[in-house]
């Protein structure tokens, strides 16, 4: 069985997809960008501010799915500019303390022209 996850504490999908899905005891989050769910807007123009908002969105999605940041096993990260890698890692590392497996790539352009996007796979508790 596949379950769709929705929470008002993370941004609504901006296309034909779900915020997250649960299947086989795992939760798969869609790529999260730095949209504040309360305002529906990208609220920061810095990599630090955007990374923090992305991580908060992921945290809220995982909680809605019955998981948490400690149960993340894999992340895929997209940065608009690899020069932001160190600053991104500083914030990312404070949220993903269990050090999940990760891929991190540069992307020429991200939705809403944000600086960072992160997707996760986590175990449901």
PDB file of N, CA and C in Angstrom:
ATOM      1  N   UNK A   1       0.830  -1.173   0.000  1.00  0.00           N
ATOM      2  CA  UNK A   1       0.000   0.000   0.000  1.00  0.00           C
ATOM      3  C   UNK A   1       0.884   1.249   0.000  1.00  0.00           C
ATOM      4  N   UNK A   2       0.489   2.232  -0.764  1.00  0.00           N
ATOM      5  CA  UNK A   2       1.195   3.517  -0.830  1.00  0.00           C
ATOM      6  C   UNK A   2       0.293   4.577  -0.206  1.00  0.00           C
ATOM      7  N   UNK A   3       0.864   5.358   0.699  1.00  0.00           N
ATOM      8  CA  UNK A   3       0.117   6.398   1.402  1.00  0.00           C
ATOM      9  C   UNK A   3       0.663   7.773   1.017  1.00  0.00           C
ATOM     10  N   UNK A   4      -0.221   8.709   0.774  1.00  0.00           N
ATOM     11  CA  UNK A   4       0.170  10.083   0.477  1.00  0.00           C
ATOM     12  C   UNK A   4       0.258  10.873   1.783  1.00  0.00           C
ATOM     13  N   UNK A   5       1.312  11.649   1.923  1.00  0.00           N
ATOM     14  CA  UNK A   5       1.514  12.480   3.112  1.00  0.00           C
ATOM     15  C   UNK A   5       1.222  13.927   2.747  1.00  0.00           C
ATOM     16  N   UNK A   6       0.465  14.590   3.603  1.00  0.00           N
ATOM     17  CA  UNK A   6       0.217  16.024   3.430  1.00  0.00           C
ATOM     18  C   UNK A   6       0.262  16.697   4.793  1.00  0.00           C
ATOM     19  N   UNK A   7       0.900  17.855   4.861  1.00  0.00           N
ATOM     20  CA  UNK A   7       0.871  18.691   6.053  1.00  0.00           C
ATOM     21  C   UNK A   7       0.837  20.148   5.626  1.00  0.00           C
ATOM     22  N   UNK A   8       0.108  20.936   6.379  1.00  0.00           N
ATOM     23  CA  UNK A   8       0.092  22.384   6.122  1.00  0.00           C
ATOM     24  C   UNK A   8       1.375  23.041   6.635  1.00  0.00           C
ATOM     25  N   UNK A   9       2.215  22.267   7.348  1.00  0.00           N
ATOM     26  CA  UNK A   9       3.463  22.794   7.899  1.00  0.00           C
ATOM     27  C   UNK A   9       4.647  22.668   6.947  1.00  0.00           C
ATOM     28  N   UNK A  10       4.352  22.312   5.711  1.00  0.00           N
ATOM     29  CA  UNK A  10       5.346  22.298   4.635  1.00  0.00           C
ATOM     30  C   UNK A  10       4.659  22.886   3.410  1.00  0.00           C
ATOM     31  N   UNK A  11       5.424  23.402   2.464  1.00  0.00           N
ATOM     32  CA  UNK A  11       4.803  24.032   1.294  1.00  0.00           C
ATOM     33  C   UNK A  11       3.962  23.054   0.486  1.00  0.00           C
ATOM     34  N   UNK A  12       2.864  23.565  -0.057  1.00  0.00           N
ATOM     35  CA  UNK A  12       2.073  22.772  -0.984  1.00  0.00           C
ATOM     36  C   UNK A  12       2.909  22.474  -2.223  1.00  0.00           C
ATOM     37  N   UNK A  13       2.638  21.349  -2.845  1.00  0.00           N
ATOM     38  CA  UNK A  13       3.307  21.011  -4.099  1.00  0.00           C
ATOM     39  C   UNK A  13       2.978  22.079  -5.139  1.00  0.00           C
ATOM     40  N   UNK A  14       3.971  22.462  -5.934  1.00  0.00           N
ATOM     41  CA  UNK A  14       3.748  23.492  -6.963  1.00  0.00           C
ATOM     42  C   UNK A  14       3.570  22.866  -8.346  1.00  0.00           C
ATOM     43  N   UNK A  15       3.250  21.580  -8.356  1.00  0.00           N
ATOM     44  CA  UNK A  15       3.034  20.853  -9.607  1.00  0.00           C
ATOM     45  C   UNK A  15       2.242  19.598  -9.315  1.00  0.00           C
ATOM     46  N   UNK A  16       2.164  18.694 -10.289  1.00  0.00           N
ATOM     47  CA  UNK A  16       1.383  17.466 -10.134  1.00  0.00           C
ATOM     48  C   UNK A  16       2.155  16.371  -9.385  1.00  0.00           C
ATOM     49  N   UNK A  17       2.414  16.610  -8.108  1.00  0.00           N
ATOM     50  CA  UNK A  17       3.116  15.638  -7.272  1.00  0.00           C
ATOM     51  C   UNK A  17       2.684  15.831  -5.824  1.00  0.00           C
ATOM     52  N   UNK A  18       3.084  14.912  -4.966  1.00  0.00           N
ATOM     53  CA  UNK A  18       2.757  14.949  -3.542  1.00  0.00           C
ATOM     54  C   UNK A  18       3.926  15.501  -2.746  1.00  0.00           C
ATOM     55  N   UNK A  19       3.632  15.996  -1.555  1.00  0.00           N
ATOM     56  CA  UNK A  19       4.701  16.427  -0.659  1.00  0.00           C
ATOM     57  C   UNK A  19       5.595  15.242  -0.297  1.00  0.00           C
ATOM     58  N   UNK A  20       4.953  14.093  -0.047  1.00  0.00           N
ATOM     59  CA  UNK A  20       5.700  12.882   0.308  1.00  0.00           C
ATOM     60  C   UNK A  20       4.810  11.667   0.121  1.00  0.00           C
ATOM     61  N   UNK A  21       5.453  10.507   0.049  1.00  0.00           N
ATOM     62  CA  UNK A  21       4.756   9.224  -0.059  1.00  0.00           C
ATOM     63  C   UNK A  21       5.403   8.246   0.912  1.00  0.00           C
ATOM     64  N   UNK A  22       4.580   7.355   1.454  1.00  0.00           N
ATOM     65  CA  UNK A  22       5.067   6.268   2.299  1.00  0.00           C
ATOM     66  C   UNK A  22       4.819   4.964   1.558  1.00  0.00           C
ATOM     67  N   UNK A  23       5.856   4.136   1.456  1.00  0.00           N
ATOM     68  CA  UNK A  23       5.748   2.824   0.826  1.00  0.00           C
ATOM     69  C   UNK A  23       6.819   1.917   1.420  1.00  0.00           C
ATOM     70  N   UNK A  24       6.442   0.680   1.723  1.00  0.00           N
ATOM     71  CA  UNK A  24       7.422  -0.291   2.207  1.00  0.00           C
ATOM     72  C   UNK A  24       8.153   0.131   3.460  1.00  0.00           C
ATOM     73  N   UNK A  25       7.495   0.874   4.336  1.00  0.00           N
ATOM     74  CA  UNK A  25       8.133   1.305   5.581  1.00  0.00           C
ATOM     75  C   UNK A  25       9.073   2.482   5.429  1.00  0.00           C
ATOM     76  N   UNK A  26       9.092   3.085   4.243  1.00  0.00           N
ATOM     77  CA  UNK A  26       9.947   4.247   3.984  1.00  0.00           C
ATOM     78  C   UNK A  26       9.094   5.434   3.591  1.00  0.00           C
ATOM     79  N   UNK A  27       9.560   6.621   3.943  1.00  0.00           N
ATOM     80  CA  UNK A  27       8.921   7.844   3.484  1.00  0.00           C
ATOM     81  C   UNK A  27       9.877   8.525   2.511  1.00  0.00           C
ATOM     82  N   UNK A  28       9.327   8.915   1.373  1.00  0.00           N
ATOM     83  CA  UNK A  28      10.069   9.585   0.308  1.00  0.00           C
ATOM     84  C   UNK A  28       9.527  11.004   0.206  1.00  0.00           C
ATOM     85  N   UNK A  29      10.359  11.992   0.507  1.00  0.00           N
ATOM     86  CA  UNK A  29       9.895  13.374   0.385  1.00  0.00           C
ATOM     87  C   UNK A  29      10.228  13.906  -0.998  1.00  0.00           C
ATOM     88  N   UNK A  30       9.332  14.709  -1.515  1.00  0.00           N
ATOM     89  CA  UNK A  30       9.646  15.438  -2.748  1.00  0.00           C
ATOM     90  C   UNK A  30      10.721  16.460  -2.420  1.00  0.00           C
ATOM     91  N   UNK A  31      11.416  16.921  -3.433  1.00  0.00           N
ATOM     92  CA  UNK A  31      12.430  17.939  -3.220  1.00  0.00           C
ATOM     93  C   UNK A  31      11.815  19.156  -2.549  1.00  0.00           C
ATOM     94  N   UNK A  32      12.426  19.575  -1.457  1.00  0.00           N
ATOM     95  CA  UNK A  32      11.931  20.734  -0.719  1.00  0.00           C
ATOM     96  C   UNK A  32      12.794  21.947  -1.029  1.00  0.00           C
ATOM     97  N   UNK A  33      12.106  23.051  -1.302  1.00  0.00           N
ATOM     98  CA  UNK A  33      12.793  24.318  -1.522  1.00  0.00           C
ATOM     99  C   UNK A  33      12.411  25.258  -0.387  1.00  0.00           C
ATOM    100  N   UNK A  34      12.987  26.429  -0.381  1.00  0.00           N
ATOM    101  CA  UNK A  34      12.881  27.348   0.758  1.00  0.00           C
ATOM    102  C   UNK A  34      11.609  28.186   0.755  1.00  0.00           C
ATOM    103  N   UNK A  35      10.480  27.535   0.535  1.00  0.00           N
ATOM    104  CA  UNK A  35       9.206  28.245   0.634  1.00  0.00           C
ATOM    105  C   UNK A  35       8.711  28.125   2.065  1.00  0.00           C
ATOM    106  N   UNK A  36       8.384  29.244   2.670  1.00  0.00           N
ATOM    107  CA  UNK A  36       7.800  29.259   3.997  1.00  0.00           C
ATOM    108  C   UNK A  36       6.330  28.881   3.842  1.00  0.00           C
ATOM    109  N   UNK A  37       5.880  27.789   4.475  1.00  0.00           N
ATOM    110  CA  UNK A  37       4.493  27.364   4.274  1.00  0.00           C
ATOM    111  C   UNK A  37       3.468  28.376   4.787  1.00  0.00           C
ATOM    112  N   UNK A  38       3.837  29.197   5.747  1.00  0.00           N
ATOM    113  CA  UNK A  38       2.909  30.192   6.289  1.00  0.00           C
ATOM    114  C   UNK A  38       2.622  31.304   5.288  1.00  0.00           C
ATOM    115  N   UNK A  39       3.653  31.706   4.551  1.00  0.00           N
ATOM    116  CA  UNK A  39       3.491  32.835   3.620  1.00  0.00           C
ATOM    117  C   UNK A  39       3.388  32.388   2.162  1.00  0.00           C
ATOM    118  N   UNK A  40       3.874  31.182   1.871  1.00  0.00           N
ATOM    119  CA  UNK A  40       3.894  30.714   0.490  1.00  0.00           C
ATOM    120  C   UNK A  40       4.974  31.362  -0.354  1.00  0.00           C
ATOM    121  N   UNK A  41       5.918  32.031   0.298  1.00  0.00           N
ATOM    122  CA  UNK A  41       6.967  32.761  -0.424  1.00  0.00           C
ATOM    123  C   UNK A  41       8.352  32.289   0.005  1.00  0.00           C
ATOM    124  N   UNK A  42       9.313  32.498  -0.878  1.00  0.00           N
ATOM    125  CA  UNK A  42      10.714  32.287  -0.538  1.00  0.00           C
ATOM    126  C   UNK A  42      11.108  33.500   0.298  1.00  0.00           C
ATOM    127  N   UNK A  43      11.510  33.260   1.540  1.00  0.00           N
ATOM    128  CA  UNK A  43      11.691  34.363   2.477  1.00  0.00           C
ATOM    129  C   UNK A  43      13.145  34.807   2.662  1.00  0.00           C
ATOM    130  N   UNK A  44      14.092  34.089   2.131  1.00  0.00           N
ATOM    131  CA  UNK A  44      15.490  34.444   2.329  1.00  0.00           C
ATOM    132  C   UNK A  44      16.213  34.434   0.993  1.00  0.00           C
ATOM    133  N   UNK A  45      17.221  35.268   0.887  1.00  0.00           N
ATOM    134  CA  UNK A  45      18.032  35.249  -0.334  1.00  0.00           C
ATOM    135  C   UNK A  45      19.450  34.770  -0.050  1.00  0.00           C
ATOM    136  N   UNK A  46      19.655  34.176   1.152  1.00  0.00           N
ATOM    137  CA  UNK A  46      20.968  33.637   1.500  1.00  0.00           C
ATOM    138  C   UNK A  46      20.915  32.117   1.527  1.00  0.00           C
ATOM    139  N   UNK A  47      22.038  31.477   1.292  1.00  0.00           N
ATOM    140  CA  UNK A  47      22.088  30.016   1.341  1.00  0.00           C
ATOM    141  C   UNK A  47      21.797  29.530   2.755  1.00  0.00           C
ATOM    142  N   UNK A  48      22.258  30.248   3.761  1.00  0.00           N
ATOM    143  CA  UNK A  48      22.008  29.839   5.142  1.00  0.00           C
ATOM    144  C   UNK A  48      20.510  29.872   5.461  1.00  0.00           C
ATOM    145  N   UNK A  49      19.856  30.972   5.132  1.00  0.00           N
ATOM    146  CA  UNK A  49      18.427  31.108   5.403  1.00  0.00           C
ATOM    147  C   UNK A  49      17.598  30.108   4.622  1.00  0.00           C
ATOM    148  N   UNK A  50      17.949  29.906   3.359  1.00  0.00           N
ATOM    149  CA  UNK A  50      17.202  28.961   2.542  1.00  0.00           C
ATOM    150  C   UNK A  50      17.427  27.521   3.011  1.00  0.00           C
ATOM    151  N   UNK A  51      18.640  27.175   3.377  1.00  0.00           N
ATOM    152  CA  UNK A  51      18.915  25.816   3.859  1.00  0.00           C
ATOM    153  C   UNK A  51      18.143  25.547   5.141  1.00  0.00           C
ATOM    154  N   UNK A  52      18.096  26.506   6.028  1.00  0.00           N
ATOM    155  CA  UNK A  52      17.339  26.341   7.272  1.00  0.00           C
ATOM    156  C   UNK A  52      15.858  26.109   6.964  1.00  0.00           C
ATOM    157  N   UNK A  53      15.274  26.885   6.049  1.00  0.00           N
ATOM    158  CA  UNK A  53      13.857  26.714   5.714  1.00  0.00           C
ATOM    159  C   UNK A  53      13.610  25.354   5.069  1.00  0.00           C
ATOM    160  N   UNK A  54      14.495  24.933   4.184  1.00  0.00           N
ATOM    161  CA  UNK A  54      14.379  23.614   3.554  1.00  0.00           C
ATOM    162  C   UNK A  54      14.388  22.523   4.626  1.00  0.00           C
ATOM    163  N   UNK A  55      15.313  22.613   5.559  1.00  0.00           N
ATOM    164  CA  UNK A  55      15.418  21.596   6.608  1.00  0.00           C
ATOM    165  C   UNK A  55      14.185  21.602   7.518  1.00  0.00           C
ATOM    166  N   UNK A  56      13.651  22.761   7.811  1.00  0.00           N
ATOM    167  CA  UNK A  56      12.428  22.838   8.611  1.00  0.00           C
ATOM    168  C   UNK A  56      11.259  22.204   7.854  1.00  0.00           C
ATOM    169  N   UNK A  57      11.170  22.450   6.553  1.00  0.00           N
ATOM    170  CA  UNK A  57      10.113  21.833   5.745  1.00  0.00           C
ATOM    171  C   UNK A  57      10.232  20.313   5.771  1.00  0.00           C
ATOM    172  N   UNK A  58      11.451  19.808   5.614  1.00  0.00           N
ATOM    173  CA  UNK A  58      11.673  18.356   5.646  1.00  0.00           C
ATOM    174  C   UNK A  58      11.309  17.801   7.017  1.00  0.00           C
ATOM    175  N   UNK A  59      11.744  18.459   8.069  1.00  0.00           N
ATOM    176  CA  UNK A  59      11.437  18.030   9.433  1.00  0.00           C
ATOM    177  C   UNK A  59       9.926  17.909   9.629  1.00  0.00           C
ATOM    178  N   UNK A  60       9.184  18.908   9.179  1.00  0.00           N
ATOM    179  CA  UNK A  60       7.724  18.897   9.320  1.00  0.00           C
ATOM    180  C   UNK A  60       7.071  17.790   8.493  1.00  0.00           C
ATOM    181  N   UNK A  61       7.566  17.569   7.294  1.00  0.00           N
ATOM    182  CA  UNK A  61       7.041  16.484   6.452  1.00  0.00           C
ATOM    183  C   UNK A  61       7.302  15.125   7.089  1.00  0.00           C
ATOM    184  N   UNK A  62       8.502  14.921   7.578  1.00  0.00           N
ATOM    185  CA  UNK A  62       8.840  13.646   8.196  1.00  0.00           C
ATOM    186  C   UNK A  62       7.977  13.396   9.428  1.00  0.00           C
ATOM    187  N   UNK A  63       7.759  14.420  10.237  1.00  0.00           N
ATOM    188  CA  UNK A  63       6.902  14.265  11.416  1.00  0.00           C
ATOM    189  C   UNK A  63       5.486  13.880  10.998  1.00  0.00           C
ATOM    190  N   UNK A  64       4.965  14.500   9.940  1.00  0.00           N
ATOM    191  CA  UNK A  64       3.622  14.175   9.454  1.00  0.00           C
ATOM    192  C   UNK A  64       3.546  12.735   8.956  1.00  0.00           C
ATOM    193  N   UNK A  65       4.686  12.195   8.536  1.00  0.00           N
ATOM    194  CA  UNK A  65       4.748  10.826   8.013  1.00  0.00           C
ATOM    195  C   UNK A  65       5.081   9.794   9.093  1.00  0.00           C
ATOM    196  N   UNK A  66       5.265  10.239  10.327  1.00  0.00           N
ATOM    197  CA  UNK A  66       5.612   9.314  11.398  1.00  0.00           C
ATOM    198  C   UNK A  66       7.090   8.974  11.453  1.00  0.00           C
ATOM    199  N   UNK A  67       7.918   9.914  11.033  1.00  0.00           N
ATOM    200  CA  UNK A  67       9.361   9.714  11.059  1.00  0.00           C
ATOM    201  C   UNK A  67      10.013  10.961  11.646  1.00  0.00           C
ATOM    202  N   UNK A  68      11.320  11.047  11.521  1.00  0.00           N
ATOM    203  CA  UNK A  68      12.035  12.237  11.982  1.00  0.00           C
ATOM    204  C   UNK A  68      13.402  12.306  11.303  1.00  0.00           C
ATOM    205  N   UNK A  69      14.123  13.358  11.593  1.00  0.00           N
ATOM    206  CA  UNK A  69      15.417  13.601  10.941  1.00  0.00           C
ATOM    207  C   UNK A  69      16.437  12.499  11.256  1.00  0.00           C
ATOM    208  N   UNK A  70      16.342  11.888  12.422  1.00  0.00           N
ATOM    209  CA  UNK A  70      17.281  10.828  12.800  1.00  0.00           C
ATOM    210  C   UNK A  70      17.087   9.558  11.979  1.00  0.00           C
ATOM    211  N   UNK A  71      15.924   9.410  11.372  1.00  0.00           N
ATOM    212  CA  UNK A  71      15.625   8.203  10.594  1.00  0.00           C
ATOM    213  C   UNK A  71      15.850   8.377   9.099  1.00  0.00           C
ATOM    214  N   UNK A  72      16.439   9.500   8.696  1.00  0.00           N
ATOM    215  CA  UNK A  72      16.759   9.718   7.282  1.00  0.00           C
ATOM    216  C   UNK A  72      17.951   8.845   6.918  1.00  0.00           C
ATOM    217  N   UNK A  73      17.813   8.085   5.832  1.00  0.00           N
ATOM    218  CA  UNK A  73      18.895   7.210   5.391  1.00  0.00           C
ATOM    219  C   UNK A  73      19.607   7.734   4.145  1.00  0.00           C
ATOM    220  N   UNK A  74      18.947   8.630   3.397  1.00  0.00           N
ATOM    221  CA  UNK A  74      19.538   9.140   2.153  1.00  0.00           C
ATOM    222  C   UNK A  74      18.985  10.519   1.856  1.00  0.00           C
ATOM    223  N   UNK A  75      19.851  11.410   1.418  1.00  0.00           N
ATOM    224  CA  UNK A  75      19.422  12.715   0.915  1.00  0.00           C
ATOM    225  C   UNK A  75      20.031  12.943  -0.459  1.00  0.00           C
ATOM    226  N   UNK A  76      19.329  13.714  -1.252  1.00  0.00           N
ATOM    227  CA  UNK A  76      19.854  14.203  -2.523  1.00  0.00           C
ATOM    228  C   UNK A  76      19.727  15.718  -2.455  1.00  0.00           C
ATOM    229  N   UNK A  77      20.848  16.396  -2.640  1.00  0.00           N
ATOM    230  CA  UNK A  77      20.911  17.849  -2.469  1.00  0.00           C
ATOM    231  C   UNK A  77      21.320  18.503  -3.781  1.00  0.00           C
ATOM    232  N   UNK A  78      20.652  19.599  -4.087  1.00  0.00           N
ATOM    233  CA  UNK A  78      20.937  20.366  -5.292  1.00  0.00           C
ATOM    234  C   UNK A  78      21.283  21.784  -4.880  1.00  0.00           C
ATOM    235  N   UNK A  79      22.426  22.268  -5.323  1.00  0.00           N
ATOM    236  CA  UNK A  79      22.853  23.640  -5.043  1.00  0.00           C
ATOM    237  C   UNK A  79      22.951  24.410  -6.345  1.00  0.00           C
ATOM    238  N   UNK A  80      22.477  25.622  -6.327  1.00  0.00           N
ATOM    239  CA  UNK A  80      22.600  26.468  -7.511  1.00  0.00           C
ATOM    240  C   UNK A  80      24.065  26.808  -7.764  1.00  0.00           C
ATOM    241  N   UNK A  81      24.830  26.946  -6.679  1.00  0.00           N
ATOM    242  CA  UNK A  81      26.221  27.356  -6.793  1.00  0.00           C
ATOM    243  C   UNK A  81      27.060  26.548  -5.801  1.00  0.00           C
ATOM    244  N   UNK A  82      28.011  25.781  -6.295  1.00  0.00           N
ATOM    245  CA  UNK A  82      28.866  24.978  -5.416  1.00  0.00           C
ATOM    246  C   UNK A  82      29.748  25.834  -4.506  1.00  0.00           C
ATOM    247  N   UNK A  83      29.860  27.109  -4.784  1.00  0.00           N
ATOM    248  CA  UNK A  83      30.585  27.987  -3.863  1.00  0.00           C
ATOM    249  C   UNK A  83      29.852  28.110  -2.533  1.00  0.00           C
ATOM    250  N   UNK A  84      28.575  27.715  -2.493  1.00  0.00           N
ATOM    251  CA  UNK A  84      27.778  27.736  -1.266  1.00  0.00           C
ATOM    252  C   UNK A  84      27.909  26.447  -0.462  1.00  0.00           C
ATOM    253  N   UNK A  85      28.732  25.506  -0.924  1.00  0.00           N
ATOM    254  CA  UNK A  85      28.817  24.177  -0.327  1.00  0.00           C
ATOM    255  C   UNK A  85      29.144  24.216   1.165  1.00  0.00           C
ATOM    256  N   UNK A  86      30.140  24.975   1.568  1.00  0.00           N
ATOM    257  CA  UNK A  86      30.542  25.021   2.987  1.00  0.00           C
ATOM    258  C   UNK A  86      29.439  25.610   3.858  1.00  0.00           C
ATOM    259  N   UNK A  87      28.842  26.698   3.420  1.00  0.00           N
ATOM    260  CA  UNK A  87      27.763  27.330   4.196  1.00  0.00           C
ATOM    261  C   UNK A  87      26.551  26.400   4.276  1.00  0.00           C
ATOM    262  N   UNK A  88      26.229  25.733   3.168  1.00  0.00           N
ATOM    263  CA  UNK A  88      25.144  24.759   3.147  1.00  0.00           C
ATOM    264  C   UNK A  88      25.428  23.635   4.142  1.00  0.00           C
ATOM    265  N   UNK A  89      26.627  23.078   4.107  1.00  0.00           N
ATOM    266  CA  UNK A  89      27.001  21.974   4.995  1.00  0.00           C
ATOM    267  C   UNK A  89      26.876  22.345   6.461  1.00  0.00           C
ATOM    268  N   UNK A  90      27.201  23.568   6.792  1.00  0.00           N
ATOM    269  CA  UNK A  90      27.133  24.028   8.192  1.00  0.00           C
ATOM    270  C   UNK A  90      25.705  23.885   8.732  1.00  0.00           C
ATOM    271  N   UNK A  91      24.729  24.375   7.989  1.00  0.00           N
ATOM    272  CA  UNK A  91      23.325  24.298   8.412  1.00  0.00           C
ATOM    273  C   UNK A  91      22.820  22.859   8.278  1.00  0.00           C
ATOM    274  N   UNK A  92      23.070  22.231   7.141  1.00  0.00           N
ATOM    275  CA  UNK A  92      22.643  20.850   6.882  1.00  0.00           C
ATOM    276  C   UNK A  92      23.100  19.925   8.013  1.00  0.00           C
ATOM    277  N   UNK A  93      24.362  20.033   8.401  1.00  0.00           N
ATOM    278  CA  UNK A  93      24.931  19.172   9.432  1.00  0.00           C
ATOM    279  C   UNK A  93      24.272  19.334  10.786  1.00  0.00           C
ATOM    280  N   UNK A  94      23.713  20.508  11.061  1.00  0.00           N
ATOM    281  CA  UNK A  94      23.042  20.718  12.346  1.00  0.00           C
ATOM    282  C   UNK A  94      21.666  20.047  12.379  1.00  0.00           C
ATOM    283  N   UNK A  95      21.094  19.751  11.231  1.00  0.00           N
ATOM    284  CA  UNK A  95      19.801  19.067  11.150  1.00  0.00           C
ATOM    285  C   UNK A  95      19.957  17.558  10.944  1.00  0.00           C
ATOM    286  N   UNK A  96      20.881  17.164  10.095  1.00  0.00           N
ATOM    287  CA  UNK A  96      21.066  15.754   9.758  1.00  0.00           C
ATOM    288  C   UNK A  96      22.237  15.185  10.560  1.00  0.00           C
ATOM    289  N   UNK A  97      22.048  15.114  11.877  1.00  0.00           N
ATOM    290  CA  UNK A  97      23.130  14.713  12.776  1.00  0.00           C
ATOM    291  C   UNK A  97      23.470  13.226  12.671  1.00  0.00           C
ATOM    292  N   UNK A  98      22.558  12.420  12.108  1.00  0.00           N
ATOM    293  CA  UNK A  98      22.842  10.993  11.945  1.00  0.00           C
ATOM    294  C   UNK A  98      23.697  10.712  10.707  1.00  0.00           C
ATOM    295  N   UNK A  99      24.009  11.751   9.953  1.00  0.00           N
ATOM    296  CA  UNK A  99      24.868  11.654   8.766  1.00  0.00           C
ATOM    297  C   UNK A  99      24.388  10.611   7.755  1.00  0.00           C
ATOM    298  N   UNK A 100      23.190  10.841   7.171  1.00  0.00           N
ATOM    299  CA  UNK A 100      22.694   9.891   6.166  1.00  0.00           C
ATOM    300  C   UNK A 100      23.582   9.877   4.927  1.00  0.00           C
ATOM    301  N   UNK A 101      23.430   8.831   4.119  1.00  0.00           N
ATOM    302  CA  UNK A 101      24.096   8.806   2.816  1.00  0.00           C
ATOM    303  C   UNK A 101      23.601  10.022   2.036  1.00  0.00           C
ATOM    304  N   UNK A 102      24.444  10.561   1.149  1.00  0.00           N
ATOM    305  CA  UNK A 102      24.061  11.799   0.478  1.00  0.00           C
ATOM    306  C   UNK A 102      24.718  11.932  -0.878  1.00  0.00           C
ATOM    307  N   UNK A 103      23.977  12.545  -1.792  1.00  0.00           N
ATOM    308  CA  UNK A 103      24.519  13.036  -3.051  1.00  0.00           C
ATOM    309  C   UNK A 103      24.295  14.539  -3.041  1.00  0.00           C
ATOM    310  N   UNK A 104      25.239  15.285  -3.595  1.00  0.00           N
ATOM    311  CA  UNK A 104      25.098  16.739  -3.675  1.00  0.00           C
ATOM    312  C   UNK A 104      25.650  17.181  -5.023  1.00  0.00           C
ATOM    313  N   UNK A 105      24.792  17.818  -5.808  1.00  0.00           N
ATOM    314  CA  UNK A 105      25.193  18.238  -7.141  1.00  0.00           C
ATOM    315  C   UNK A 105      24.817  19.695  -7.377  1.00  0.00           C
ATOM    316  N   UNK A 106      25.499  20.303  -8.321  1.00  0.00           N
ATOM    317  CA  UNK A 106      25.145  21.659  -8.754  1.00  0.00           C
ATOM    318  C   UNK A 106      24.043  21.551  -9.799  1.00  0.00           C
ATOM    319  N   UNK A 107      23.098  22.462  -9.722  1.00  0.00           N
ATOM    320  CA  UNK A 107      22.007  22.525 -10.690  1.00  0.00           C
ATOM    321  C   UNK A 107      21.970  23.931 -11.264  1.00  0.00           C
ATOM    322  N   UNK A 108      21.891  24.016 -12.551  1.00  0.00           N
ATOM    323  CA  UNK A 108      21.917  25.323 -13.206  1.00  0.00           C
ATOM    324  C   UNK A 108      20.798  26.231 -12.719  1.00  0.00           C
ATOM    325  N   UNK A 109      19.590  25.660 -12.576  1.00  0.00           N
ATOM    326  CA  UNK A 109      18.460  26.456 -12.099  1.00  0.00           C
ATOM    327  C   UNK A 109      17.515  25.550 -11.336  1.00  0.00           C
ATOM    328  N   UNK A 110      16.987  26.064 -10.237  1.00  0.00           N
ATOM    329  CA  UNK A 110      16.041  25.330  -9.397  1.00  0.00           C
ATOM    330  C   UNK A 110      14.695  26.045  -9.425  1.00  0.00           C
ATOM    331  N   UNK A 111      13.612  25.356  -9.051  1.00  0.00           N
ATOM    332  CA  UNK A 111      12.301  26.001  -9.044  1.00  0.00           C
ATOM    333  C   UNK A 111      12.299  27.294  -8.225  1.00  0.00           C
ATOM    334  N   UNK A 112      11.565  28.266  -8.707  1.00  0.00           N
ATOM    335  CA  UNK A 112      11.440  29.577  -8.045  1.00  0.00           C
ATOM    336  C   UNK A 112      12.787  30.274  -7.885  1.00  0.00           C
ATOM    337  N   UNK A 113      13.785  29.830  -8.646  1.00  0.00           N
ATOM    338  CA  UNK A 113      15.138  30.392  -8.629  1.00  0.00           C
ATOM    339  C   UNK A 113      15.790  30.363  -7.238  1.00  0.00           C
ATOM    340  N   UNK A 114      15.467  29.314  -6.462  1.00  0.00           N
ATOM    341  CA  UNK A 114      16.061  29.177  -5.134  1.00  0.00           C
ATOM    342  C   UNK A 114      17.507  28.720  -5.245  1.00  0.00           C
ATOM    343  N   UNK A 115      18.192  28.734  -4.114  1.00  0.00           N
ATOM    344  CA  UNK A 115      19.606  28.383  -4.068  1.00  0.00           C
ATOM    345  C   UNK A 115      19.854  26.916  -3.722  1.00  0.00           C
ATOM    346  N   UNK A 116      18.836  26.247  -3.135  1.00  0.00           N
ATOM    347  CA  UNK A 116      19.023  24.879  -2.645  1.00  0.00           C
ATOM    348  C   UNK A 116      17.705  24.107  -2.697  1.00  0.00           C
ATOM    349  N   UNK A 117      17.822  22.814  -2.959  1.00  0.00           N
ATOM    350  CA  UNK A 117      16.690  21.891  -2.899  1.00  0.00           C
ATOM    351  C   UNK A 117      17.213  20.571  -2.317  1.00  0.00           C
ATOM    352  N   UNK A 118      16.427  19.956  -1.438  1.00  0.00           N
ATOM    353  CA  UNK A 118      16.839  18.698  -0.815  1.00  0.00           C
ATOM    354  C   UNK A 118      15.650  17.740  -0.798  1.00  0.00           C
ATOM    355  N   UNK A 119      15.906  16.480  -1.161  1.00  0.00           N
ATOM    356  CA  UNK A 119      14.908  15.425  -1.028  1.00  0.00           C
ATOM    357  C   UNK A 119      15.475  14.361  -0.099  1.00  0.00           C
ATOM    358  N   UNK A 120      14.578  13.603   0.544  1.00  0.00           N
ATOM    359  CA  UNK A 120      15.037  12.607   1.508  1.00  0.00           C
ATOM    360  C   UNK A 120      14.292  11.292   1.359  1.00  0.00           C
ATOM    361  N   UNK A 121      14.920  10.244   1.898  1.00  0.00           N
ATOM    362  CA  UNK A 121      14.301   8.944   2.109  1.00  0.00           C
ATOM    363  C   UNK A 121      14.561   8.608   3.573  1.00  0.00           C
ATOM    364  N   UNK A 122      13.478   8.261   4.289  1.00  0.00           N
ATOM    365  CA  UNK A 122      13.618   7.970   5.729  1.00  0.00           C
ATOM    366  C   UNK A 122      12.812   6.731   6.088  1.00  0.00           C
ATOM    367  N   UNK A 123      13.184   6.103   7.179  1.00  0.00           N
ATOM    368  CA  UNK A 123      12.454   4.970   7.729  1.00  0.00           C
ATOM    369  C   UNK A 123      11.316   5.520   8.585  1.00  0.00           C
ATOM    370  N   UNK A 124      10.121   4.946   8.418  1.00  0.00           N
ATOM    371  CA  UNK A 124       8.993   5.313   9.263  1.00  0.00           C
ATOM    372  C   UNK A 124       9.169   4.604  10.591  1.00  0.00           C
ATOM    373  N   UNK A 125       9.004   5.336  11.687  1.00  0.00           N
ATOM    374  CA  UNK A 125       9.197   4.750  13.033  1.00  0.00           C
ATOM    375  C   UNK A 125       8.087   3.770  13.373  1.00  0.00           C
TER     376      UNK A 125
END
